[in-house]
């Protein structure tokens, strides 16, 4: 699902997480498997992350998929996006 800029979904997700952490003055490194709440994201941050993901990946996350398990880490969010985003043929 790379876009025109060549970034992988996990790179794009990490960038979104780092932006939110930076707004909270948190600069610790984050990997794809780190638990986001332990990295410093609050419940409000998670809502902001969900909205940012919907915009970045042009998806609507169904209410039934907004669960702590799906938003535990960048890798679980990436799996969710792959599950809900329709595949489009590469041109």
N, C-alpha and C. Protein backbone atom coordinates (compact mmCIF):
# COMPACT_ATOMS: atom_id res chain seq x y z
N UNK A 1 0.80 -1.18 0.00
CA UNK A 1 0.00 0.00 0.00
C UNK A 1 0.86 1.27 0.00
N UNK A 2 2.08 1.23 -0.50
CA UNK A 2 2.86 2.44 -0.56
C UNK A 2 2.21 3.47 -1.46
N UNK A 3 2.30 4.72 -1.11
CA UNK A 3 1.78 5.79 -1.94
C UNK A 3 2.89 6.33 -2.81
N UNK A 4 2.61 7.40 -3.50
CA UNK A 4 3.56 7.97 -4.43
C UNK A 4 4.88 8.35 -3.81
N UNK A 5 4.90 8.65 -2.51
CA UNK A 5 6.16 9.05 -1.90
C UNK A 5 7.04 7.87 -1.52
N UNK A 6 6.53 6.64 -1.70
CA UNK A 6 7.34 5.45 -1.44
C UNK A 6 7.39 5.01 0.01
N UNK A 7 6.70 5.74 0.90
CA UNK A 7 6.71 5.37 2.31
C UNK A 7 5.82 4.16 2.55
N UNK A 8 6.29 3.26 3.41
CA UNK A 8 5.48 2.09 3.77
C UNK A 8 4.40 2.54 4.75
N UNK A 9 3.33 1.75 4.88
CA UNK A 9 2.29 2.10 5.87
C UNK A 9 2.85 2.24 7.28
N UNK A 10 3.77 1.35 7.67
CA UNK A 10 4.31 1.45 9.03
C UNK A 10 5.13 2.74 9.21
N UNK A 11 5.86 3.16 8.17
CA UNK A 11 6.60 4.43 8.25
C UNK A 11 5.65 5.61 8.41
N UNK A 12 4.56 5.58 7.66
CA UNK A 12 3.57 6.66 7.73
C UNK A 12 2.89 6.67 9.09
N UNK A 13 2.58 5.50 9.62
CA UNK A 13 1.96 5.41 10.95
C UNK A 13 2.92 5.90 12.03
N UNK A 14 4.18 5.48 11.95
CA UNK A 14 5.18 5.94 12.93
C UNK A 14 5.30 7.45 12.90
N UNK A 15 5.25 8.03 11.72
CA UNK A 15 5.34 9.49 11.60
C UNK A 15 4.16 10.16 12.30
N UNK A 16 2.95 9.61 12.13
CA UNK A 16 1.78 10.16 12.81
C UNK A 16 1.91 10.05 14.32
N UNK A 17 2.36 8.91 14.81
CA UNK A 17 2.54 8.71 16.25
C UNK A 17 3.58 9.70 16.78
N UNK A 18 4.68 9.85 16.08
CA UNK A 18 5.74 10.76 16.52
C UNK A 18 5.26 12.21 16.54
N UNK A 19 4.40 12.59 15.59
CA UNK A 19 3.85 13.95 15.58
C UNK A 19 3.03 14.19 16.84
N UNK A 20 2.19 13.23 17.20
CA UNK A 20 1.35 13.39 18.39
C UNK A 20 2.21 13.41 19.65
N UNK A 21 3.21 12.53 19.72
CA UNK A 21 4.10 12.53 20.88
C UNK A 21 4.85 13.86 20.98
N UNK A 22 5.30 14.39 19.85
CA UNK A 22 6.03 15.66 19.86
C UNK A 22 5.15 16.80 20.38
N UNK A 23 3.86 16.78 20.04
CA UNK A 23 2.95 17.81 20.56
C UNK A 23 2.86 17.75 22.08
N UNK A 24 3.11 16.58 22.64
CA UNK A 24 3.10 16.39 24.09
C UNK A 24 4.50 16.50 24.69
N UNK A 25 5.46 16.96 23.90
CA UNK A 25 6.86 17.09 24.32
C UNK A 25 7.48 15.77 24.73
N UNK A 26 7.06 14.68 24.08
CA UNK A 26 7.64 13.36 24.32
C UNK A 26 8.49 13.01 23.11
N UNK A 27 9.77 12.75 23.35
CA UNK A 27 10.69 12.54 22.23
C UNK A 27 11.32 11.16 22.22
N UNK A 28 10.78 10.23 23.02
CA UNK A 28 11.39 8.89 23.07
C UNK A 28 11.20 8.18 21.74
N UNK A 29 12.15 7.30 21.38
CA UNK A 29 12.01 6.52 20.15
C UNK A 29 10.83 5.55 20.26
N UNK A 30 10.18 5.33 19.13
CA UNK A 30 9.03 4.41 19.08
C UNK A 30 9.25 3.45 17.92
N UNK A 31 9.02 2.16 18.19
CA UNK A 31 9.13 1.17 17.12
C UNK A 31 7.73 0.64 16.80
N UNK A 32 7.62 -0.14 15.75
CA UNK A 32 6.32 -0.63 15.29
C UNK A 32 5.64 -1.54 16.30
N UNK A 33 6.39 -2.17 17.19
CA UNK A 33 5.80 -3.10 18.15
C UNK A 33 5.63 -2.52 19.55
N UNK A 34 6.04 -1.28 19.77
CA UNK A 34 5.86 -0.65 21.09
C UNK A 34 4.38 -0.43 21.37
N UNK A 35 3.98 -0.65 22.61
CA UNK A 35 2.60 -0.33 22.99
C UNK A 35 2.47 1.18 23.07
N UNK A 36 1.50 1.70 22.34
CA UNK A 36 1.38 3.15 22.19
C UNK A 36 1.03 3.85 23.50
N UNK A 37 0.27 3.19 24.36
CA UNK A 37 -0.04 3.82 25.65
C UNK A 37 1.22 3.91 26.51
N UNK A 38 2.08 2.92 26.41
CA UNK A 38 3.35 2.96 27.16
C UNK A 38 4.31 3.99 26.57
N UNK A 39 4.15 4.27 25.27
CA UNK A 39 4.99 5.28 24.63
C UNK A 39 4.59 6.69 25.06
N UNK A 40 3.38 6.82 25.63
CA UNK A 40 2.96 8.12 26.13
C UNK A 40 1.67 8.65 25.55
N UNK A 41 0.99 7.89 24.69
CA UNK A 41 -0.27 8.37 24.12
C UNK A 41 -1.41 8.20 25.12
N UNK A 42 -2.16 9.26 25.32
CA UNK A 42 -3.34 9.22 26.19
C UNK A 42 -4.56 8.79 25.36
N UNK A 43 -5.69 8.65 26.01
CA UNK A 43 -6.90 8.26 25.27
C UNK A 43 -7.29 9.36 24.28
N UNK A 44 -7.09 10.60 24.62
CA UNK A 44 -7.38 11.70 23.68
C UNK A 44 -6.41 11.64 22.51
N UNK A 45 -5.15 11.34 22.79
CA UNK A 45 -4.16 11.20 21.72
C UNK A 45 -4.57 10.07 20.78
N UNK A 46 -5.11 8.99 21.33
CA UNK A 46 -5.52 7.86 20.49
C UNK A 46 -6.65 8.25 19.56
N UNK A 47 -7.58 9.08 20.05
CA UNK A 47 -8.66 9.58 19.18
C UNK A 47 -8.06 10.44 18.07
N UNK A 48 -7.14 11.31 18.43
CA UNK A 48 -6.48 12.15 17.42
C UNK A 48 -5.71 11.30 16.42
N UNK A 49 -5.08 10.23 16.90
CA UNK A 49 -4.35 9.32 16.01
C UNK A 49 -5.32 8.64 15.05
N UNK A 50 -6.46 8.20 15.56
CA UNK A 50 -7.44 7.54 14.71
C UNK A 50 -7.91 8.49 13.60
N UNK A 51 -8.18 9.73 13.95
CA UNK A 51 -8.61 10.71 12.95
C UNK A 51 -7.51 10.98 11.93
N UNK A 52 -6.27 11.06 12.41
CA UNK A 52 -5.14 11.28 11.51
C UNK A 52 -4.96 10.10 10.56
N UNK A 53 -5.15 8.89 11.07
CA UNK A 53 -5.04 7.69 10.24
C UNK A 53 -6.11 7.69 9.16
N UNK A 54 -7.34 8.04 9.54
CA UNK A 54 -8.42 8.08 8.55
C UNK A 54 -8.08 9.06 7.43
N UNK A 55 -7.51 10.20 7.77
CA UNK A 55 -7.13 11.17 6.75
C UNK A 55 -5.93 10.72 5.93
N UNK A 56 -4.91 10.21 6.59
CA UNK A 56 -3.67 9.78 5.90
C UNK A 56 -3.92 8.63 4.94
N UNK A 57 -4.75 7.68 5.34
CA UNK A 57 -4.95 6.47 4.55
C UNK A 57 -6.28 6.46 3.79
N UNK A 58 -7.02 7.57 3.92
CA UNK A 58 -8.30 7.71 3.22
C UNK A 58 -9.21 6.52 3.48
N UNK A 59 -9.39 6.21 4.76
CA UNK A 59 -10.27 5.12 5.18
C UNK A 59 -11.22 5.64 6.26
N UNK A 60 -12.31 4.93 6.44
CA UNK A 60 -13.21 5.18 7.56
C UNK A 60 -13.13 3.95 8.44
N UNK A 61 -12.66 4.12 9.65
CA UNK A 61 -12.51 2.99 10.57
C UNK A 61 -13.88 2.71 11.19
N UNK A 62 -14.44 1.52 10.95
CA UNK A 62 -15.75 1.20 11.53
C UNK A 62 -15.68 1.20 13.05
N UNK A 63 -16.77 1.63 13.68
CA UNK A 63 -16.83 1.70 15.14
C UNK A 63 -16.48 0.35 15.77
N UNK A 64 -16.89 -0.73 15.11
CA UNK A 64 -16.62 -2.07 15.66
C UNK A 64 -15.13 -2.41 15.69
N UNK A 65 -14.32 -1.68 14.91
CA UNK A 65 -12.87 -1.95 14.85
C UNK A 65 -12.06 -1.02 15.76
N UNK A 66 -12.74 -0.08 16.42
CA UNK A 66 -12.04 0.85 17.31
C UNK A 66 -11.95 0.18 18.68
N UNK A 67 -10.93 -0.66 18.81
CA UNK A 67 -10.73 -1.43 20.03
C UNK A 67 -9.29 -1.26 20.51
N UNK A 68 -9.06 -1.46 21.81
CA UNK A 68 -7.68 -1.38 22.31
C UNK A 68 -6.73 -2.34 21.60
N UNK A 69 -7.21 -3.52 21.23
CA UNK A 69 -6.36 -4.49 20.55
C UNK A 69 -5.89 -3.96 19.19
N UNK A 70 -6.80 -3.34 18.44
CA UNK A 70 -6.43 -2.83 17.11
C UNK A 70 -5.52 -1.61 17.18
N UNK A 71 -5.54 -0.89 18.31
CA UNK A 71 -4.74 0.33 18.44
C UNK A 71 -3.62 0.17 19.47
N UNK A 72 -3.19 -1.08 19.68
CA UNK A 72 -2.14 -1.35 20.67
C UNK A 72 -0.77 -0.85 20.21
N UNK A 73 -0.47 -1.02 18.92
CA UNK A 73 0.86 -0.67 18.40
C UNK A 73 0.72 -0.28 16.93
N UNK A 74 1.80 0.24 16.37
CA UNK A 74 1.80 0.57 14.95
C UNK A 74 1.53 -0.68 14.11
N UNK A 75 2.09 -1.81 14.51
CA UNK A 75 1.88 -3.02 13.72
C UNK A 75 0.43 -3.49 13.76
N UNK A 76 -0.27 -3.33 14.90
CA UNK A 76 -1.67 -3.74 14.94
C UNK A 76 -2.55 -2.77 14.15
N UNK A 77 -2.18 -1.49 14.15
CA UNK A 77 -2.92 -0.51 13.35
C UNK A 77 -2.70 -0.79 11.86
N UNK A 78 -1.48 -1.13 11.49
CA UNK A 78 -1.20 -1.45 10.08
C UNK A 78 -2.04 -2.65 9.64
N UNK A 79 -2.15 -3.66 10.48
CA UNK A 79 -2.98 -4.83 10.15
C UNK A 79 -4.44 -4.42 9.98
N UNK A 80 -4.91 -3.52 10.82
CA UNK A 80 -6.29 -3.03 10.71
C UNK A 80 -6.49 -2.30 9.38
N UNK A 81 -5.55 -1.44 9.02
CA UNK A 81 -5.68 -0.69 7.76
C UNK A 81 -5.69 -1.65 6.58
N UNK A 82 -4.82 -2.62 6.59
CA UNK A 82 -4.80 -3.60 5.49
C UNK A 82 -6.11 -4.37 5.41
N UNK A 83 -6.72 -4.58 6.56
CA UNK A 83 -8.00 -5.31 6.61
C UNK A 83 -9.15 -4.48 6.03
N UNK A 84 -9.16 -3.17 6.32
CA UNK A 84 -10.32 -2.35 5.93
C UNK A 84 -10.13 -1.56 4.64
N UNK A 85 -8.88 -1.34 4.23
CA UNK A 85 -8.66 -0.53 3.03
C UNK A 85 -8.82 -1.39 1.78
N UNK A 86 -9.70 -0.96 0.88
CA UNK A 86 -9.84 -1.72 -0.35
C UNK A 86 -8.56 -1.67 -1.17
N UNK A 87 -8.22 -2.79 -1.73
CA UNK A 87 -7.02 -2.87 -2.59
C UNK A 87 -7.33 -2.25 -3.94
N UNK A 88 -6.40 -1.43 -4.42
CA UNK A 88 -6.57 -0.87 -5.75
C UNK A 88 -5.41 -1.34 -6.60
N UNK A 89 -5.68 -1.65 -7.87
CA UNK A 89 -4.60 -2.12 -8.74
C UNK A 89 -3.55 -1.03 -8.93
N UNK A 90 -2.30 -1.45 -8.91
CA UNK A 90 -1.20 -0.51 -9.17
C UNK A 90 -1.20 -0.15 -10.64
N UNK A 91 -0.95 1.12 -10.94
CA UNK A 91 -0.92 1.53 -12.34
C UNK A 91 0.50 1.60 -12.85
